[in-house]
Amino acid sequence: MISRTLLRRLTSSSSLSRLQSTQSTQWSHDYERDGYLVVKDVFSTQEVNALSSEIAAVARGDLGEIKGLLPFDSSETDEDIISKYLAFHHPHKVSNLYKETMSHPKLTNILTSSLHE
């Protein structure tokens, strides 16, 4: 889990002013209550599709060697390959797209405003 201190450093305090205080208060409440936060429509369909294709490339080993990848048949779809895994930890270590997405202002503004103290 990312610490609140680290999240505060990800974006400047001026970026928080872009978010409505009522929304960030609700996000903060939801996170405190549930332990996670779901925010719909942060990324476009095109961005989500690109991330989905990229994680399939990670799962196939196309972006570099990853210990523990499961074998797959070339006839399997991206969805088939991805569905073999419960989670993908640290995709940013092999994917520039995931690395860039982790620091995208859309995401960091939401995280920072939700977890401010």
C-alpha atoms as a PDB file:
ATOM      1  CA  MET A   1       0.000   0.000   0.000  1.00  0.00           C
ATOM      2  CA  ILE A   2       1.237   3.517  -0.765  1.00  0.00           C
ATOM      3  CA  SER A   3       1.829   5.655   2.295  1.00  0.00           C
ATOM      4  CA  ARG A   4      -0.064   8.896   2.696  1.00  0.00           C
ATOM      5  CA  THR A   5       3.205  10.796   2.918  1.00  0.00           C
ATOM      6  CA  LEU A   6       4.321   9.459  -0.440  1.00  0.00           C
ATOM      7  CA  LEU A   7       0.985  10.276  -2.039  1.00  0.00           C
ATOM      8  CA  ARG A   8       1.203  13.862  -0.791  1.00  0.00           C
ATOM      9  CA  ARG A   9       4.567  14.178  -2.544  1.00  0.00           C
ATOM     10  CA  LEU A  10       3.269  12.856  -5.865  1.00  0.00           C
ATOM     11  CA  THR A  11       1.444  16.053  -6.737  1.00  0.00           C
ATOM     12  CA  SER A  12       1.693  19.628  -5.646  1.00  0.00           C
ATOM     13  CA  SER A  13      -0.840  21.116  -3.250  1.00  0.00           C
ATOM     14  CA  SER A  14      -2.050  23.392  -6.066  1.00  0.00           C
ATOM     15  CA  SER A  15      -3.336  20.346  -7.958  1.00  0.00           C
ATOM     16  CA  LEU A  16      -5.691  19.564  -5.085  1.00  0.00           C
ATOM     17  CA  SER A  17      -7.516  22.831  -5.652  1.00  0.00           C
ATOM     18  CA  ARG A  18      -8.746  21.419  -8.959  1.00  0.00           C
ATOM     19  CA  LEU A  19     -10.898  18.905  -7.152  1.00  0.00           C
ATOM     20  CA  GLN A  20     -14.066  19.904  -5.405  1.00  0.00           C
ATOM     21  CA  SER A  21     -13.708  19.610  -1.653  1.00  0.00           C
ATOM     22  CA  THR A  22     -17.014  17.742  -1.308  1.00  0.00           C
ATOM     23  CA  GLN A  23     -15.870  15.087  -3.775  1.00  0.00           C
ATOM     24  CA  SER A  24     -12.493  14.640  -2.112  1.00  0.00           C
ATOM     25  CA  THR A  25     -14.197  14.451   1.290  1.00  0.00           C
ATOM     26  CA  GLN A  26     -16.480  11.694  -0.029  1.00  0.00           C
ATOM     27  CA  TRP A  27     -13.527   9.830  -1.550  1.00  0.00           C
ATOM     28  CA  SER A  28     -11.657  10.097   1.739  1.00  0.00           C
ATOM     29  CA  HIS A  29     -14.678   8.808   3.660  1.00  0.00           C
ATOM     30  CA  ASP A  30     -15.152   5.910   1.222  1.00  0.00           C
ATOM     31  CA  TYR A  31     -11.475   4.968   1.490  1.00  0.00           C
ATOM     32  CA  GLU A  32     -11.507   5.083   5.291  1.00  0.00           C
ATOM     33  CA  ARG A  33     -14.708   3.006   5.415  1.00  0.00           C
ATOM     34  CA  ASP A  34     -13.830   0.411   2.756  1.00  0.00           C
ATOM     35  CA  GLY A  35     -10.030   0.350   2.672  1.00  0.00           C
ATOM     36  CA  TYR A  36     -10.070   0.968  -1.086  1.00  0.00           C
ATOM     37  CA  LEU A  37     -11.482   3.532  -3.489  1.00  0.00           C
ATOM     38  CA  VAL A  38     -13.352   3.065  -6.759  1.00  0.00           C
ATOM     39  CA  VAL A  39     -13.567   6.093  -9.026  1.00  0.00           C
ATOM     40  CA  LYS A  40     -15.287   5.477 -12.330  1.00  0.00           C
ATOM     41  CA  ASP A  41     -14.341   7.015 -15.659  1.00  0.00           C
ATOM     42  CA  VAL A  42     -10.889   8.230 -14.622  1.00  0.00           C
ATOM     43  CA  PHE A  43      -9.398   6.932 -17.854  1.00  0.00           C
ATOM     44  CA  SER A  44     -10.916   6.847 -21.321  1.00  0.00           C
ATOM     45  CA  THR A  45     -11.928   3.610 -23.015  1.00  0.00           C
ATOM     46  CA  GLN A  46      -8.903   3.981 -25.281  1.00  0.00           C
ATOM     47  CA  GLU A  47      -6.562   4.315 -22.268  1.00  0.00           C
ATOM     48  CA  VAL A  48      -8.125   1.298 -20.539  1.00  0.00           C
ATOM     49  CA  ASN A  49      -7.812  -0.771 -23.727  1.00  0.00           C
ATOM     50  CA  ALA A  50      -4.143   0.186 -24.021  1.00  0.00           C
ATOM     51  CA  LEU A  51      -3.536  -0.827 -20.393  1.00  0.00           C
ATOM     52  CA  SER A  52      -5.348  -4.129 -20.962  1.00  0.00           C
ATOM     53  CA  SER A  53      -3.230  -4.901 -24.026  1.00  0.00           C
ATOM     54  CA  GLU A  54      -0.104  -3.957 -22.133  1.00  0.00           C
ATOM     55  CA  ILE A  55      -0.856  -6.247 -19.173  1.00  0.00           C
ATOM     56  CA  ALA A  56      -1.425  -9.088 -21.649  1.00  0.00           C
ATOM     57  CA  ALA A  57       2.026  -8.370 -23.090  1.00  0.00           C
ATOM     58  CA  VAL A  58       3.436  -8.498 -19.547  1.00  0.00           C
ATOM     59  CA  ALA A  59       1.680 -11.838 -18.937  1.00  0.00           C
ATOM     60  CA  ARG A  60       3.081 -13.284 -22.170  1.00  0.00           C
ATOM     61  CA  GLY A  61       6.588 -12.142 -21.237  1.00  0.00           C
ATOM     62  CA  ASP A  62       6.809  -9.847 -24.249  1.00  0.00           C
ATOM     63  CA  LEU A  63       8.230  -6.987 -22.185  1.00  0.00           C
ATOM     64  CA  GLY A  64      10.925  -8.952 -20.440  1.00  0.00           C
ATOM     65  CA  GLU A  65      11.539 -12.014 -18.366  1.00  0.00           C
ATOM     66  CA  ILE A  66       9.331 -12.351 -15.299  1.00  0.00           C
ATOM     67  CA  LYS A  67       9.757 -15.189 -12.849  1.00  0.00           C
ATOM     68  CA  GLY A  68       6.617 -17.269 -12.377  1.00  0.00           C
ATOM     69  CA  LEU A  69       4.812 -16.631 -15.651  1.00  0.00           C
ATOM     70  CA  LEU A  70       2.539 -19.481 -16.636  1.00  0.00           C
ATOM     71  CA  PRO A  71       2.851 -21.221 -20.007  1.00  0.00           C
ATOM     72  CA  PHE A  72       0.285 -20.366 -22.646  1.00  0.00           C
ATOM     73  CA  ASP A  73      -0.748 -21.559 -26.055  1.00  0.00           C
ATOM     74  CA  SER A  74      -0.409 -19.167 -28.991  1.00  0.00           C
ATOM     75  CA  SER A  75      -4.120 -19.666 -29.731  1.00  0.00           C
ATOM     76  CA  GLU A  76      -5.122 -18.154 -26.367  1.00  0.00           C
ATOM     77  CA  THR A  77      -6.607 -14.669 -26.368  1.00  0.00           C
ATOM     78  CA  ASP A  78      -5.271 -11.845 -24.219  1.00  0.00           C
ATOM     79  CA  GLU A  79      -8.265 -12.340 -21.921  1.00  0.00           C
ATOM     80  CA  ASP A  80      -7.483 -16.063 -21.564  1.00  0.00           C
ATOM     81  CA  ILE A  81      -3.884 -15.326 -20.651  1.00  0.00           C
ATOM     82  CA  ILE A  82      -4.725 -12.543 -18.191  1.00  0.00           C
ATOM     83  CA  SER A  83      -7.428 -14.636 -16.491  1.00  0.00           C
ATOM     84  CA  LYS A  84      -4.796 -17.147 -15.324  1.00  0.00           C
ATOM     85  CA  TYR A  85      -3.575 -14.642 -12.737  1.00  0.00           C
ATOM     86  CA  LEU A  86      -5.130 -13.282  -9.574  1.00  0.00           C
ATOM     87  CA  ALA A  87      -3.105 -10.064  -9.753  1.00  0.00           C
ATOM     88  CA  PHE A  88      -0.144  -8.446 -11.440  1.00  0.00           C
ATOM     89  CA  HIS A  89       2.259  -6.874  -8.986  1.00  0.00           C
ATOM     90  CA  HIS A  90       4.657  -4.150 -10.091  1.00  0.00           C
ATOM     91  CA  PRO A  91       3.921  -4.071 -13.836  1.00  0.00           C
ATOM     92  CA  HIS A  92       5.634  -0.676 -13.906  1.00  0.00           C
ATOM     93  CA  LYS A  93       8.961  -2.467 -13.548  1.00  0.00           C
ATOM     94  CA  VAL A  94       8.674  -3.843 -17.087  1.00  0.00           C
ATOM     95  CA  SER A  95       6.139  -1.495 -18.695  1.00  0.00           C
ATOM     96  CA  ASN A  96       6.703   2.174 -19.413  1.00  0.00           C
ATOM     97  CA  LEU A  97       2.970   2.585 -20.002  1.00  0.00           C
ATOM     98  CA  TYR A  98       2.185   1.361 -16.481  1.00  0.00           C
ATOM     99  CA  LYS A  99       4.994   3.481 -15.058  1.00  0.00           C
ATOM    100  CA  GLU A 100       3.589   6.595 -16.744  1.00  0.00           C
ATOM    101  CA  THR A 101       0.040   5.723 -15.682  1.00  0.00           C
ATOM    102  CA  MET A 102       1.049   5.454 -12.027  1.00  0.00           C
ATOM    103  CA  SER A 103       2.056   9.114 -12.052  1.00  0.00           C
ATOM    104  CA  HIS A 104      -0.722  10.385 -14.336  1.00  0.00           C
ATOM    105  CA  PRO A 105      -2.246  13.594 -12.901  1.00  0.00           C
ATOM    106  CA  LYS A 106      -5.776  12.161 -13.165  1.00  0.00           C
ATOM    107  CA  LEU A 107      -4.780   9.380 -10.804  1.00  0.00           C
ATOM    108  CA  THR A 108      -2.409  11.206  -8.491  1.00  0.00           C
ATOM    109  CA  ASN A 109      -4.875  14.050  -7.918  1.00  0.00           C
ATOM    110  CA  ILE A 110      -7.556  11.599  -6.835  1.00  0.00           C
ATOM    111  CA  LEU A 111      -5.181   9.647  -4.587  1.00  0.00           C
ATOM    112  CA  THR A 112      -3.680  12.724  -3.008  1.00  0.00           C
ATOM    113  CA  SER A 113      -6.999  14.417  -2.365  1.00  0.00           C
ATOM    114  CA  SER A 114      -8.539  11.214  -0.982  1.00  0.00           C
ATOM    115  CA  LEU A 115      -5.760  10.497   1.449  1.00  0.00           C
ATOM    116  CA  HIS A 116      -4.839  13.965   2.657  1.00  0.00           C
ATOM    117  CA  GLU A 117      -4.751  14.445   6.400  1.00  0.00           C
END
